[in-house]
Amino acid sequence: MNNRVVCALAFLALALARPLAAQDSGAWVPLFNGKDLSGWKNNGHNRFVVESGTIIGESTTKEYGYLTTEKTYRNFNLKLQFKPLAKGNSGVFTRSRIIGMDPEHGPDIEGMQIEVDPSVGNHTGGIYESGGRGWLIQPTADGEKALKPDQWNSLEIEVHGNRYVTRLNGVQIVDYTDTAPKFTDGVIGLQLHMGGGVKMQWRHIEIQQTAE
């Protein structure tokens, strides 16, 4: 095979590969417009409001509360910032769905939760399966130290097939491959844990959908 043929084949392979790569990841799209809760749904009786370009979620009952996207998502990269304003527990739900309303504790949800807690050492960035197996993986000792209490924290979540990767303030927290996946798509949600006393602030919520 002469050099001209080799070069031509290499050029053709590159030309074919580039459109495929371009389709693998879409553009980053804001899930929160900084003005109102368009595209989101408040599930339950707790308070989610927009103030100064941020979402503030606050317990007004002792029930669970979930602010969920109206759209569902399968494979994606998600990034956001959160700031704890009180000591109550929270989380970011992926591939989730609301399955009912309990008269005592409010909305029921199932799906994959990325833990968000205001205190160091309480597993922020770990993965918990709601409506199923419970804790799947918790952060390493170094990962537990990545949280900045009472400050803005950057959380990145990668969901591709049965693999989940989380990073908190640039530190990789978990890289988990689910050997028995139950959830393949669903809404994204911001949680207020039951019991009251939760107040969490969110901003810069963006998603990049991917082929896998």
N, C-alpha and C. Protein backbone atom coordinates (compact mmCIF):
# COMPACT_ATOMS: atom_id res chain seq x y z
N MET A 1 0.85 -1.19 0.00
CA MET A 1 0.00 0.00 0.00
C MET A 1 0.89 1.24 0.00
N ASN A 2 0.68 2.14 -1.00
CA ASN A 2 1.57 3.28 -1.08
C ASN A 2 1.18 4.37 -0.07
N ASN A 3 2.05 5.38 0.05
CA ASN A 3 1.86 6.42 1.06
C ASN A 3 0.61 7.25 0.81
N ARG A 4 0.25 7.44 -0.47
CA ARG A 4 -0.94 8.24 -0.77
C ARG A 4 -2.20 7.55 -0.26
N VAL A 5 -2.26 6.24 -0.44
CA VAL A 5 -3.43 5.49 0.03
C VAL A 5 -3.51 5.52 1.55
N VAL A 6 -2.36 5.34 2.20
CA VAL A 6 -2.33 5.37 3.67
C VAL A 6 -2.81 6.71 4.18
N CYS A 7 -2.32 7.78 3.58
CA CYS A 7 -2.72 9.12 4.02
C CYS A 7 -4.22 9.35 3.79
N ALA A 8 -4.71 8.87 2.65
CA ALA A 8 -6.13 9.05 2.33
C ALA A 8 -7.01 8.30 3.33
N LEU A 9 -6.61 7.07 3.66
CA LEU A 9 -7.39 6.29 4.63
C LEU A 9 -7.35 6.93 6.01
N ALA A 10 -6.20 7.45 6.40
CA ALA A 10 -6.09 8.10 7.70
C ALA A 10 -6.96 9.34 7.77
N PHE A 11 -6.98 10.13 6.69
CA PHE A 11 -7.81 11.33 6.65
C PHE A 11 -9.29 10.97 6.73
N LEU A 12 -9.68 9.90 6.00
CA LEU A 12 -11.07 9.46 6.01
C LEU A 12 -11.48 9.00 7.41
N ALA A 13 -10.62 8.25 8.08
CA ALA A 13 -10.92 7.77 9.43
C ALA A 13 -11.10 8.93 10.39
N LEU A 14 -10.26 9.95 10.27
CA LEU A 14 -10.37 11.12 11.13
C LEU A 14 -11.65 11.88 10.86
N ALA A 15 -12.00 12.01 9.59
CA ALA A 15 -13.22 12.74 9.22
C ALA A 15 -14.46 12.03 9.74
N LEU A 16 -14.44 10.69 9.71
CA LEU A 16 -15.59 9.94 10.21
C LEU A 16 -15.66 9.97 11.72
N ALA A 17 -14.51 9.99 12.38
CA ALA A 17 -14.49 9.95 13.85
C ALA A 17 -14.92 11.26 14.47
N ARG A 18 -14.62 12.37 13.84
CA ARG A 18 -14.90 13.66 14.46
C ARG A 18 -16.39 13.91 14.69
N PRO A 19 -17.27 13.65 13.72
CA PRO A 19 -18.69 13.84 14.00
C PRO A 19 -19.20 12.93 15.11
N LEU A 20 -18.66 11.68 15.20
CA LEU A 20 -19.07 10.77 16.26
C LEU A 20 -18.67 11.33 17.61
N ALA A 21 -17.45 11.83 17.73
CA ALA A 21 -17.00 12.39 18.99
C ALA A 21 -17.82 13.61 19.37
N ALA A 22 -18.20 14.40 18.35
CA ALA A 22 -18.98 15.59 18.62
C ALA A 22 -20.36 15.25 19.17
N GLN A 23 -20.86 14.04 18.81
CA GLN A 23 -22.17 13.64 19.28
C GLN A 23 -22.13 13.05 20.68
N ASP A 24 -20.93 12.66 21.15
CA ASP A 24 -20.83 12.01 22.45
C ASP A 24 -21.26 12.93 23.58
N SER A 25 -20.90 14.20 23.50
CA SER A 25 -21.22 15.16 24.55
C SER A 25 -21.86 16.39 23.94
N GLY A 26 -23.00 16.79 24.48
CA GLY A 26 -23.66 17.99 24.02
C GLY A 26 -23.12 19.22 24.75
N ALA A 27 -23.74 20.35 24.50
CA ALA A 27 -23.34 21.58 25.16
C ALA A 27 -23.81 21.60 26.61
N TRP A 28 -23.11 22.35 27.42
CA TRP A 28 -23.57 22.57 28.79
C TRP A 28 -24.80 23.46 28.76
N VAL A 29 -25.84 23.05 29.51
CA VAL A 29 -27.12 23.76 29.52
C VAL A 29 -27.50 24.05 30.97
N PRO A 30 -27.89 25.28 31.29
CA PRO A 30 -28.32 25.57 32.66
C PRO A 30 -29.66 24.91 32.97
N LEU A 31 -29.76 24.25 34.12
CA LEU A 31 -31.03 23.72 34.59
C LEU A 31 -31.79 24.76 35.41
N PHE A 32 -31.08 25.74 35.92
CA PHE A 32 -31.66 26.83 36.71
C PHE A 32 -31.30 28.14 36.06
N ASN A 33 -32.34 28.95 35.74
CA ASN A 33 -32.09 30.19 35.00
C ASN A 33 -31.71 31.37 35.87
N GLY A 34 -31.66 31.19 37.18
CA GLY A 34 -31.25 32.26 38.08
C GLY A 34 -32.34 33.26 38.41
N LYS A 35 -33.55 33.04 37.82
CA LYS A 35 -34.64 34.01 38.00
C LYS A 35 -35.87 33.41 38.67
N ASP A 36 -36.23 32.18 38.26
CA ASP A 36 -37.41 31.53 38.81
C ASP A 36 -37.23 30.02 38.72
N LEU A 37 -38.25 29.29 39.10
CA LEU A 37 -38.15 27.83 39.13
C LEU A 37 -38.79 27.17 37.92
N SER A 38 -38.73 27.85 36.78
CA SER A 38 -39.19 27.25 35.53
C SER A 38 -38.41 25.97 35.26
N GLY A 39 -39.14 24.89 34.90
CA GLY A 39 -38.50 23.62 34.63
C GLY A 39 -38.32 22.74 35.84
N TRP A 40 -38.81 23.22 37.00
CA TRP A 40 -38.69 22.47 38.25
C TRP A 40 -40.06 22.28 38.88
N LYS A 41 -40.17 21.27 39.74
CA LYS A 41 -41.42 20.99 40.47
C LYS A 41 -41.12 20.78 41.94
N ASN A 42 -41.88 21.48 42.80
CA ASN A 42 -41.75 21.30 44.24
C ASN A 42 -42.65 20.16 44.69
N ASN A 43 -42.04 19.08 45.17
CA ASN A 43 -42.77 17.91 45.65
C ASN A 43 -42.80 17.95 47.17
N GLY A 44 -43.98 18.09 47.76
CA GLY A 44 -44.09 18.16 49.20
C GLY A 44 -44.53 19.54 49.65
N HIS A 45 -44.29 19.83 50.93
CA HIS A 45 -44.82 21.05 51.54
C HIS A 45 -43.73 21.94 52.10
N ASN A 46 -42.50 21.73 51.71
CA ASN A 46 -41.40 22.58 52.16
C ASN A 46 -41.18 23.73 51.18
N ARG A 47 -40.26 24.60 51.49
CA ARG A 47 -40.11 25.88 50.79
C ARG A 47 -38.88 25.85 49.87
N PHE A 48 -39.12 26.10 48.60
CA PHE A 48 -38.05 26.34 47.64
C PHE A 48 -38.33 27.67 46.94
N VAL A 49 -37.41 28.62 47.06
CA VAL A 49 -37.60 29.95 46.48
C VAL A 49 -36.31 30.39 45.80
N VAL A 50 -36.44 31.40 44.95
CA VAL A 50 -35.28 31.99 44.30
C VAL A 50 -34.96 33.32 44.97
N GLU A 51 -33.73 33.47 45.42
CA GLU A 51 -33.26 34.70 46.03
C GLU A 51 -31.86 35.01 45.54
N SER A 52 -31.68 36.22 45.01
CA SER A 52 -30.37 36.69 44.56
C SER A 52 -29.68 35.72 43.62
N GLY A 53 -30.45 35.18 42.67
CA GLY A 53 -29.88 34.30 41.66
C GLY A 53 -29.56 32.90 42.15
N THR A 54 -30.08 32.52 43.33
CA THR A 54 -29.84 31.19 43.87
C THR A 54 -31.17 30.55 44.26
N ILE A 55 -31.16 29.23 44.39
CA ILE A 55 -32.30 28.50 44.94
C ILE A 55 -32.03 28.27 46.42
N ILE A 56 -33.00 28.62 47.25
CA ILE A 56 -32.91 28.32 48.67
C ILE A 56 -34.00 27.32 49.02
N GLY A 57 -33.57 26.17 49.54
CA GLY A 57 -34.50 25.16 50.03
C GLY A 57 -34.50 25.19 51.54
N GLU A 58 -35.70 25.26 52.15
CA GLU A 58 -35.79 25.38 53.60
C GLU A 58 -36.94 24.54 54.13
N SER A 59 -36.67 23.79 55.19
CA SER A 59 -37.73 23.00 55.82
C SER A 59 -38.75 23.92 56.48
N THR A 60 -40.00 23.71 56.15
CA THR A 60 -41.10 24.38 56.86
C THR A 60 -41.99 23.34 57.53
N THR A 61 -41.67 22.06 57.32
CA THR A 61 -42.34 20.93 57.98
C THR A 61 -41.25 19.95 58.39
N LYS A 62 -41.64 18.86 59.00
CA LYS A 62 -40.69 17.79 59.33
C LYS A 62 -40.70 16.69 58.27
N GLU A 63 -41.34 16.96 57.13
CA GLU A 63 -41.41 15.99 56.05
C GLU A 63 -40.21 16.13 55.12
N TYR A 64 -40.02 15.12 54.26
CA TYR A 64 -39.09 15.25 53.17
C TYR A 64 -39.59 16.31 52.18
N GLY A 65 -38.65 16.93 51.48
CA GLY A 65 -39.00 17.82 50.39
C GLY A 65 -38.06 17.60 49.22
N TYR A 66 -38.60 17.66 48.00
CA TYR A 66 -37.79 17.45 46.80
C TYR A 66 -38.17 18.47 45.74
N LEU A 67 -37.18 19.18 45.24
CA LEU A 67 -37.35 20.02 44.06
C LEU A 67 -36.76 19.24 42.90
N THR A 68 -37.61 18.82 41.96
CA THR A 68 -37.16 17.95 40.88
C THR A 68 -37.34 18.61 39.52
N THR A 69 -36.49 18.20 38.58
CA THR A 69 -36.63 18.69 37.21
C THR A 69 -37.89 18.12 36.58
N GLU A 70 -38.48 18.87 35.66
CA GLU A 70 -39.63 18.36 34.92
C GLU A 70 -39.20 17.35 33.88
N LYS A 71 -37.99 17.48 33.38
CA LYS A 71 -37.46 16.55 32.38
C LYS A 71 -36.70 15.42 33.06
N THR A 72 -36.56 14.32 32.34
CA THR A 72 -35.77 13.19 32.81
C THR A 72 -34.45 13.13 32.04
N TYR A 73 -33.46 12.50 32.66
CA TYR A 73 -32.12 12.42 32.08
C TYR A 73 -31.55 11.02 32.30
N ARG A 74 -30.75 10.58 31.33
CA ARG A 74 -30.18 9.23 31.38
C ARG A 74 -28.67 9.28 31.64
N ASN A 75 -27.89 9.74 30.67
CA ASN A 75 -26.43 9.83 30.79
C ASN A 75 -26.03 11.29 30.71
N PHE A 76 -25.19 11.73 31.64
CA PHE A 76 -24.90 13.17 31.69
C PHE A 76 -23.74 13.47 32.63
N ASN A 77 -23.25 14.70 32.48
CA ASN A 77 -22.36 15.33 33.45
C ASN A 77 -23.16 16.47 34.09
N LEU A 78 -23.10 16.56 35.38
CA LEU A 78 -23.85 17.58 36.12
C LEU A 78 -22.88 18.33 37.03
N LYS A 79 -23.01 19.65 37.05
CA LYS A 79 -22.19 20.43 37.98
C LYS A 79 -23.06 21.51 38.62
N LEU A 80 -22.76 21.80 39.88
CA LEU A 80 -23.53 22.78 40.64
C LEU A 80 -22.71 23.23 41.83
N GLN A 81 -23.21 24.26 42.50
CA GLN A 81 -22.61 24.71 43.74
C GLN A 81 -23.68 24.73 44.83
N PHE A 82 -23.28 24.37 46.04
CA PHE A 82 -24.20 24.41 47.17
C PHE A 82 -23.52 25.05 48.38
N LYS A 83 -24.36 25.64 49.23
CA LYS A 83 -23.85 26.26 50.46
C LYS A 83 -24.80 25.93 51.60
N PRO A 84 -24.34 25.21 52.61
CA PRO A 84 -25.21 24.91 53.75
C PRO A 84 -25.49 26.16 54.57
N LEU A 85 -26.77 26.37 54.88
CA LEU A 85 -27.17 27.50 55.71
C LEU A 85 -27.69 27.06 57.07
N ALA A 86 -27.73 25.75 57.29
CA ALA A 86 -28.13 25.17 58.57
C ALA A 86 -27.52 23.77 58.63
N LYS A 87 -27.82 23.04 59.70
CA LYS A 87 -27.16 21.76 59.93
C LYS A 87 -27.90 20.55 59.36
N GLY A 88 -29.06 20.73 58.74
CA GLY A 88 -29.82 19.59 58.25
C GLY A 88 -29.23 18.97 57.00
N ASN A 89 -29.58 17.71 56.77
CA ASN A 89 -29.03 16.91 55.68
C ASN A 89 -29.77 17.14 54.37
N SER A 90 -29.04 16.97 53.25
CA SER A 90 -29.61 17.18 51.93
C SER A 90 -29.01 16.17 50.96
N GLY A 91 -29.25 16.37 49.66
CA GLY A 91 -28.70 15.48 48.67
C GLY A 91 -29.10 15.91 47.27
N VAL A 92 -28.39 15.38 46.28
CA VAL A 92 -28.73 15.56 44.87
C VAL A 92 -29.14 14.20 44.32
N PHE A 93 -30.36 14.11 43.81
CA PHE A 93 -30.86 12.84 43.28
C PHE A 93 -30.69 12.79 41.77
N THR A 94 -30.29 11.62 41.27
CA THR A 94 -30.17 11.39 39.84
C THR A 94 -30.96 10.14 39.47
N ARG A 95 -31.39 10.08 38.22
CA ARG A 95 -32.16 8.93 37.71
C ARG A 95 -33.25 8.52 38.70
N SER A 96 -34.02 9.49 39.13
CA SER A 96 -34.98 9.28 40.22
C SER A 96 -36.40 9.54 39.78
N ARG A 97 -37.34 9.14 40.63
CA ARG A 97 -38.75 9.45 40.39
C ARG A 97 -39.51 9.46 41.71
N ILE A 98 -40.48 10.37 41.80
CA ILE A 98 -41.38 10.41 42.94
C ILE A 98 -42.42 9.31 42.75
N ILE A 99 -42.59 8.47 43.77
CA ILE A 99 -43.47 7.30 43.61
C ILE A 99 -44.73 7.38 44.49
N GLY A 100 -44.85 8.44 45.28
CA GLY A 100 -46.05 8.56 46.11
C GLY A 100 -45.89 9.61 47.18
N MET A 101 -46.93 9.75 48.01
CA MET A 101 -46.93 10.72 49.09
C MET A 101 -47.37 10.02 50.37
N ASP A 102 -46.50 10.04 51.36
CA ASP A 102 -46.81 9.42 52.65
C ASP A 102 -47.38 10.49 53.59
N PRO A 103 -48.47 10.19 54.29
CA PRO A 103 -49.08 11.20 55.15
C PRO A 103 -48.19 11.65 56.30
N GLU A 104 -47.20 10.84 56.66
CA GLU A 104 -46.34 11.20 57.78
C GLU A 104 -45.04 11.86 57.36
N HIS A 105 -44.37 11.31 56.36
CA HIS A 105 -43.06 11.87 56.00
C HIS A 105 -43.03 12.54 54.62
N GLY A 106 -44.17 12.67 53.96
CA GLY A 106 -44.20 13.41 52.71
C GLY A 106 -43.86 12.57 51.50
N PRO A 107 -43.29 13.17 50.46
CA PRO A 107 -43.06 12.46 49.20
C PRO A 107 -42.06 11.32 49.33
N ASP A 108 -42.38 10.21 48.64
CA ASP A 108 -41.46 9.08 48.54
C ASP A 108 -40.73 9.16 47.21
N ILE A 109 -39.45 8.83 47.24
CA ILE A 109 -38.64 8.89 46.04
C ILE A 109 -37.79 7.64 45.94
N GLU A 110 -37.47 7.24 44.72
CA GLU A 110 -36.48 6.18 44.52
C GLU A 110 -35.53 6.63 43.43
N GLY A 111 -34.28 6.22 43.57
CA GLY A 111 -33.25 6.63 42.64
C GLY A 111 -31.90 6.69 43.32
N MET A 112 -30.94 7.28 42.61
CA MET A 112 -29.56 7.34 43.08
C MET A 112 -29.27 8.72 43.67
N GLN A 113 -28.96 8.75 44.96
CA GLN A 113 -28.70 10.00 45.65
C GLN A 113 -27.21 10.22 45.85
N ILE A 114 -26.77 11.44 45.53
CA ILE A 114 -25.42 11.87 45.88
C ILE A 114 -25.56 12.67 47.17
N GLU A 115 -24.94 12.19 48.22
CA GLU A 115 -25.10 12.79 49.54
C GLU A 115 -24.56 14.22 49.60
N VAL A 116 -25.30 15.10 50.27
CA VAL A 116 -24.85 16.47 50.54
C VAL A 116 -25.18 16.75 52.00
N ASP A 117 -24.16 16.98 52.80
CA ASP A 117 -24.36 17.23 54.23
C ASP A 117 -23.51 18.43 54.65
N PRO A 118 -23.99 19.23 55.59
CA PRO A 118 -23.25 20.43 55.97
C PRO A 118 -22.03 20.19 56.86
N SER A 119 -21.84 18.96 57.34
CA SER A 119 -20.76 18.68 58.29
C SER A 119 -19.70 17.78 57.66
N VAL A 120 -18.44 18.09 57.94
CA VAL A 120 -17.33 17.26 57.48
C VAL A 120 -17.45 15.87 58.10
N GLY A 121 -17.21 14.84 57.29
CA GLY A 121 -17.25 13.48 57.79
C GLY A 121 -18.58 12.79 57.65
N ASN A 122 -19.56 13.47 57.04
CA ASN A 122 -20.90 12.88 56.89
C ASN A 122 -21.19 12.43 55.47
N HIS A 123 -20.12 12.10 54.73
CA HIS A 123 -20.20 11.34 53.47
C HIS A 123 -20.68 12.15 52.26
N THR A 124 -20.51 13.47 52.26
CA THR A 124 -20.87 14.25 51.08
C THR A 124 -20.11 13.74 49.86
N GLY A 125 -20.86 13.50 48.78
CA GLY A 125 -20.28 12.95 47.56
C GLY A 125 -20.40 11.45 47.44
N GLY A 126 -20.79 10.78 48.54
CA GLY A 126 -21.04 9.35 48.49
C GLY A 126 -22.36 9.05 47.81
N ILE A 127 -22.61 7.78 47.50
CA ILE A 127 -23.80 7.40 46.73
C ILE A 127 -24.68 6.48 47.56
N TYR A 128 -25.96 6.86 47.61
CA TYR A 128 -26.97 6.13 48.39
C TYR A 128 -28.14 5.83 47.47
N GLU A 129 -28.55 4.57 47.41
CA GLU A 129 -29.70 4.20 46.58
C GLU A 129 -30.98 4.26 47.41
N SER A 130 -31.82 5.24 47.13
CA SER A 130 -33.10 5.37 47.82
C SER A 130 -34.12 4.41 47.21
N GLY A 131 -34.88 3.75 48.06
CA GLY A 131 -35.84 2.78 47.58
C GLY A 131 -35.19 1.48 47.16
N GLY A 132 -34.01 1.21 47.73
CA GLY A 132 -33.31 -0.01 47.34
C GLY A 132 -32.25 -0.42 48.33
N ARG A 133 -31.00 -0.40 47.91
CA ARG A 133 -29.91 -1.01 48.67
C ARG A 133 -29.29 -0.13 49.73
N GLY A 134 -29.68 1.14 49.79
CA GLY A 134 -29.07 2.04 50.77
C GLY A 134 -27.68 2.48 50.32
N TRP A 135 -26.75 2.57 51.25
CA TRP A 135 -25.41 3.04 50.91
C TRP A 135 -24.72 2.06 49.95
N LEU A 136 -24.23 2.62 48.83
CA LEU A 136 -23.48 1.83 47.85
C LEU A 136 -21.99 2.07 47.98
N ILE A 137 -21.62 3.33 48.23
CA ILE A 137 -20.21 3.66 48.42
C ILE A 137 -20.12 4.99 49.17
N GLN A 138 -19.17 5.04 50.09
CA GLN A 138 -18.92 6.26 50.86
C GLN A 138 -17.54 6.80 50.52
N PRO A 139 -17.30 8.08 50.79
CA PRO A 139 -16.00 8.67 50.45
C PRO A 139 -14.85 8.03 51.21
N THR A 140 -13.67 8.17 50.64
CA THR A 140 -12.45 7.79 51.34
C THR A 140 -12.21 8.79 52.48
N ALA A 141 -11.23 8.49 53.33
CA ALA A 141 -10.90 9.40 54.43
C ALA A 141 -10.50 10.78 53.90
N ASP A 142 -9.74 10.81 52.81
CA ASP A 142 -9.35 12.10 52.23
C ASP A 142 -10.56 12.80 51.62
N GLY A 143 -11.45 12.01 50.99
CA GLY A 143 -12.64 12.60 50.40
C GLY A 143 -13.56 13.23 51.43
N GLU A 144 -13.59 12.67 52.62
CA GLU A 144 -14.42 13.23 53.68
C GLU A 144 -13.98 14.64 54.09
N LYS A 145 -12.74 14.99 53.80
CA LYS A 145 -12.20 16.29 54.21
C LYS A 145 -12.40 17.37 53.16
N ALA A 146 -13.00 17.03 52.02
CA ALA A 146 -13.09 17.98 50.90
C ALA A 146 -14.16 19.05 51.10
N LEU A 147 -15.13 18.80 51.97
CA LEU A 147 -16.22 19.76 52.20
C LEU A 147 -15.71 21.04 52.86
N LYS A 148 -16.27 22.17 52.44
CA LYS A 148 -16.00 23.46 53.06
C LYS A 148 -17.25 23.90 53.82
N PRO A 149 -17.30 23.69 55.12
CA PRO A 149 -18.51 24.06 55.88
C PRO A 149 -18.81 25.56 55.79
N ASP A 150 -20.09 25.86 55.65
CA ASP A 150 -20.57 27.26 55.65
C ASP A 150 -20.03 28.07 54.47
N GLN A 151 -19.53 27.39 53.43
CA GLN A 151 -19.02 28.08 52.25
C GLN A 151 -19.65 27.46 51.00
N TRP A 152 -19.43 28.13 49.86
CA TRP A 152 -19.85 27.54 48.60
C TRP A 152 -18.94 26.36 48.27
N ASN A 153 -19.58 25.26 47.88
CA ASN A 153 -18.87 24.04 47.48
C ASN A 153 -19.26 23.68 46.05
N SER A 154 -18.30 23.22 45.28
CA SER A 154 -18.55 22.79 43.89
C SER A 154 -18.67 21.28 43.85
N LEU A 155 -19.78 20.80 43.28
CA LEU A 155 -20.03 19.36 43.17
C LEU A 155 -20.18 18.99 41.71
N GLU A 156 -19.42 18.00 41.27
CA GLU A 156 -19.52 17.48 39.91
C GLU A 156 -19.96 16.02 39.97
N ILE A 157 -20.90 15.65 39.11
CA ILE A 157 -21.44 14.30 39.09
C ILE A 157 -21.43 13.80 37.65
N GLU A 158 -20.81 12.66 37.42
CA GLU A 158 -20.80 12.04 36.10
C GLU A 158 -21.60 10.74 36.17
N VAL A 159 -22.58 10.62 35.29
CA VAL A 159 -23.44 9.44 35.26
C VAL A 159 -23.43 8.90 33.83
N HIS A 160 -22.76 7.76 33.65
CA HIS A 160 -22.60 7.18 32.32
C HIS A 160 -22.80 5.67 32.41
N GLY A 161 -23.90 5.19 31.83
CA GLY A 161 -24.19 3.77 31.93
C GLY A 161 -24.34 3.37 33.38
N ASN A 162 -23.56 2.40 33.82
CA ASN A 162 -23.64 1.98 35.22
C ASN A 162 -22.49 2.52 36.07
N ARG A 163 -21.83 3.58 35.58
CA ARG A 163 -20.70 4.16 36.29
C ARG A 163 -21.05 5.56 36.81
N TYR A 164 -20.67 5.81 38.06
CA TYR A 164 -20.91 7.10 38.72
C TYR A 164 -19.59 7.62 39.28
N VAL A 165 -19.28 8.87 38.95
CA VAL A 165 -18.09 9.53 39.48
C VAL A 165 -18.52 10.85 40.10
N THR A 166 -18.04 11.14 41.30
CA THR A 166 -18.34 12.43 41.93
C THR A 166 -17.04 13.13 42.33
N ARG A 167 -17.08 14.45 42.26
CA ARG A 167 -15.96 15.28 42.70
C ARG A 167 -16.51 16.44 43.53
N LEU A 168 -15.82 16.71 44.61
CA LEU A 168 -16.21 17.82 45.50
C LEU A 168 -15.03 18.77 45.62
N ASN A 169 -15.24 20.00 45.17
CA ASN A 169 -14.18 21.02 45.20
C ASN A 169 -12.90 20.52 44.54
N GLY A 170 -13.08 19.81 43.42
CA GLY A 170 -11.95 19.34 42.63
C GLY A 170 -11.34 18.04 43.10
N VAL A 171 -11.83 17.49 44.21
CA VAL A 171 -11.31 16.24 44.76
C VAL A 171 -12.25 15.09 44.36
N GLN A 172 -11.70 14.05 43.71
CA GLN A 172 -12.55 12.91 43.38
C GLN A 172 -12.98 12.21 44.66
N ILE A 173 -14.29 12.01 44.79
CA ILE A 173 -14.84 11.41 46.00
C ILE A 173 -15.10 9.93 45.80
N VAL A 174 -15.82 9.57 44.74
CA VAL A 174 -16.06 8.16 44.45
C VAL A 174 -15.99 7.92 42.95
N ASP A 175 -15.66 6.69 42.59
CA ASP A 175 -15.74 6.19 41.22
C ASP A 175 -16.36 4.80 41.36
N TYR A 176 -17.65 4.71 41.06
CA TYR A 176 -18.42 3.52 41.40
C TYR A 176 -19.07 2.92 40.16
N THR A 177 -18.86 1.64 39.94
CA THR A 177 -19.53 0.91 38.87
C THR A 177 -20.58 0.00 39.50
N ASP A 178 -21.83 0.21 39.12
CA ASP A 178 -22.95 -0.53 39.69
C ASP A 178 -23.09 -1.87 38.98
N THR A 179 -22.93 -2.95 39.71
CA THR A 179 -23.01 -4.28 39.10
C THR A 179 -24.45 -4.79 39.01
N ALA A 180 -25.37 -4.09 39.66
CA ALA A 180 -26.78 -4.50 39.60
C ALA A 180 -27.67 -3.26 39.48
N PRO A 181 -27.53 -2.51 38.38
CA PRO A 181 -28.25 -1.24 38.26
C PRO A 181 -29.76 -1.43 38.20
N LYS A 182 -30.46 -0.60 38.94
CA LYS A 182 -31.92 -0.63 38.97
C LYS A 182 -32.52 0.56 38.23
N PHE A 183 -31.80 1.69 38.21
CA PHE A 183 -32.33 2.91 37.64
C PHE A 183 -31.47 3.35 36.45
N THR A 184 -32.09 3.59 35.32
CA THR A 184 -31.35 3.98 34.11
C THR A 184 -31.64 5.40 33.66
N ASP A 185 -32.76 5.97 34.10
CA ASP A 185 -33.04 7.37 33.80
C ASP A 185 -34.04 7.89 34.82
N GLY A 186 -34.26 9.20 34.80
CA GLY A 186 -35.19 9.80 35.75
C GLY A 186 -34.88 11.26 35.95
N VAL A 187 -35.56 11.87 36.91
CA VAL A 187 -35.38 13.29 37.17
C VAL A 187 -34.13 13.54 38.01
N ILE A 188 -33.73 14.79 38.04
CA ILE A 188 -32.69 15.27 38.95
C ILE A 188 -33.40 16.04 40.06
N GLY A 189 -33.01 15.81 41.30
CA GLY A 189 -33.72 16.43 42.41
C GLY A 189 -32.80 16.96 43.49
N LEU A 190 -33.27 18.01 44.17
CA LEU A 190 -32.59 18.58 45.32
C LEU A 190 -33.42 18.23 46.56
N GLN A 191 -32.79 17.66 47.55
CA GLN A 191 -33.52 17.12 48.70
C GLN A 191 -33.42 18.01 49.94
N LEU A 192 -34.53 18.04 50.70
CA LEU A 192 -34.53 18.49 52.09
C LEU A 192 -34.89 17.25 52.91
N HIS A 193 -34.00 16.82 53.78
CA HIS A 193 -34.24 15.59 54.54
C HIS A 193 -35.33 15.82 55.58
N MET A 194 -36.03 14.74 55.91
CA MET A 194 -37.08 14.82 56.91
C MET A 194 -36.50 15.15 58.29
N GLY A 195 -37.36 15.67 59.16
CA GLY A 195 -36.93 16.01 60.51
C GLY A 195 -36.86 17.49 60.78
N GLY A 196 -36.87 18.29 59.70
CA GLY A 196 -36.79 19.74 59.85
C GLY A 196 -35.37 20.24 60.04
N GLY A 197 -35.23 21.55 60.07
CA GLY A 197 -33.93 22.16 60.32
C GLY A 197 -32.99 22.20 59.13
N VAL A 198 -33.50 21.93 57.93
CA VAL A 198 -32.64 21.94 56.74
C VAL A 198 -32.78 23.28 56.02
N LYS A 199 -31.65 23.86 55.64
CA LYS A 199 -31.66 25.05 54.80
C LYS A 199 -30.41 25.01 53.93
N MET A 200 -30.61 24.92 52.63
CA MET A 200 -29.51 24.75 51.69
C MET A 200 -29.68 25.72 50.52
N GLN A 201 -28.57 26.26 50.06
CA GLN A 201 -28.57 27.21 48.94
C GLN A 201 -27.86 26.57 47.75
N TRP A 202 -28.42 26.80 46.54
CA TRP A 202 -27.89 26.16 45.33
C TRP A 202 -27.74 27.21 44.23
N ARG A 203 -26.75 27.03 43.37
CA ARG A 203 -26.57 27.93 42.23
C ARG A 203 -25.74 27.22 41.15
N HIS A 204 -25.71 27.87 39.97
CA HIS A 204 -24.88 27.41 38.84
C HIS A 204 -25.11 25.92 38.54
N ILE A 205 -26.38 25.54 38.39
CA ILE A 205 -26.73 24.14 38.12
C ILE A 205 -26.75 23.95 36.61
N GLU A 206 -25.83 23.14 36.08
CA GLU A 206 -25.71 22.94 34.65
C GLU A 206 -25.58 21.45 34.33
N ILE A 207 -26.06 21.07 33.15
CA ILE A 207 -25.99 19.68 32.73
C ILE A 207 -25.46 19.58 31.31
N GLN A 208 -24.74 18.52 31.07
CA GLN A 208 -24.24 18.19 29.73
C GLN A 208 -24.66 16.75 29.44
N GLN A 209 -25.61 16.58 28.54
CA GLN A 209 -26.07 15.23 28.22
C GLN A 209 -25.06 14.53 27.30
N THR A 210 -24.93 13.23 27.49
CA THR A 210 -23.97 12.45 26.71
C THR A 210 -24.64 11.22 26.14
N ALA A 211 -23.99 10.63 25.13
CA ALA A 211 -24.55 9.44 24.50
C ALA A 211 -24.54 8.27 25.47
N GLU A 212 -23.48 8.19 26.29
CA GLU A 212 -23.39 7.13 27.31
C GLU A 212 -22.40 7.54 28.35
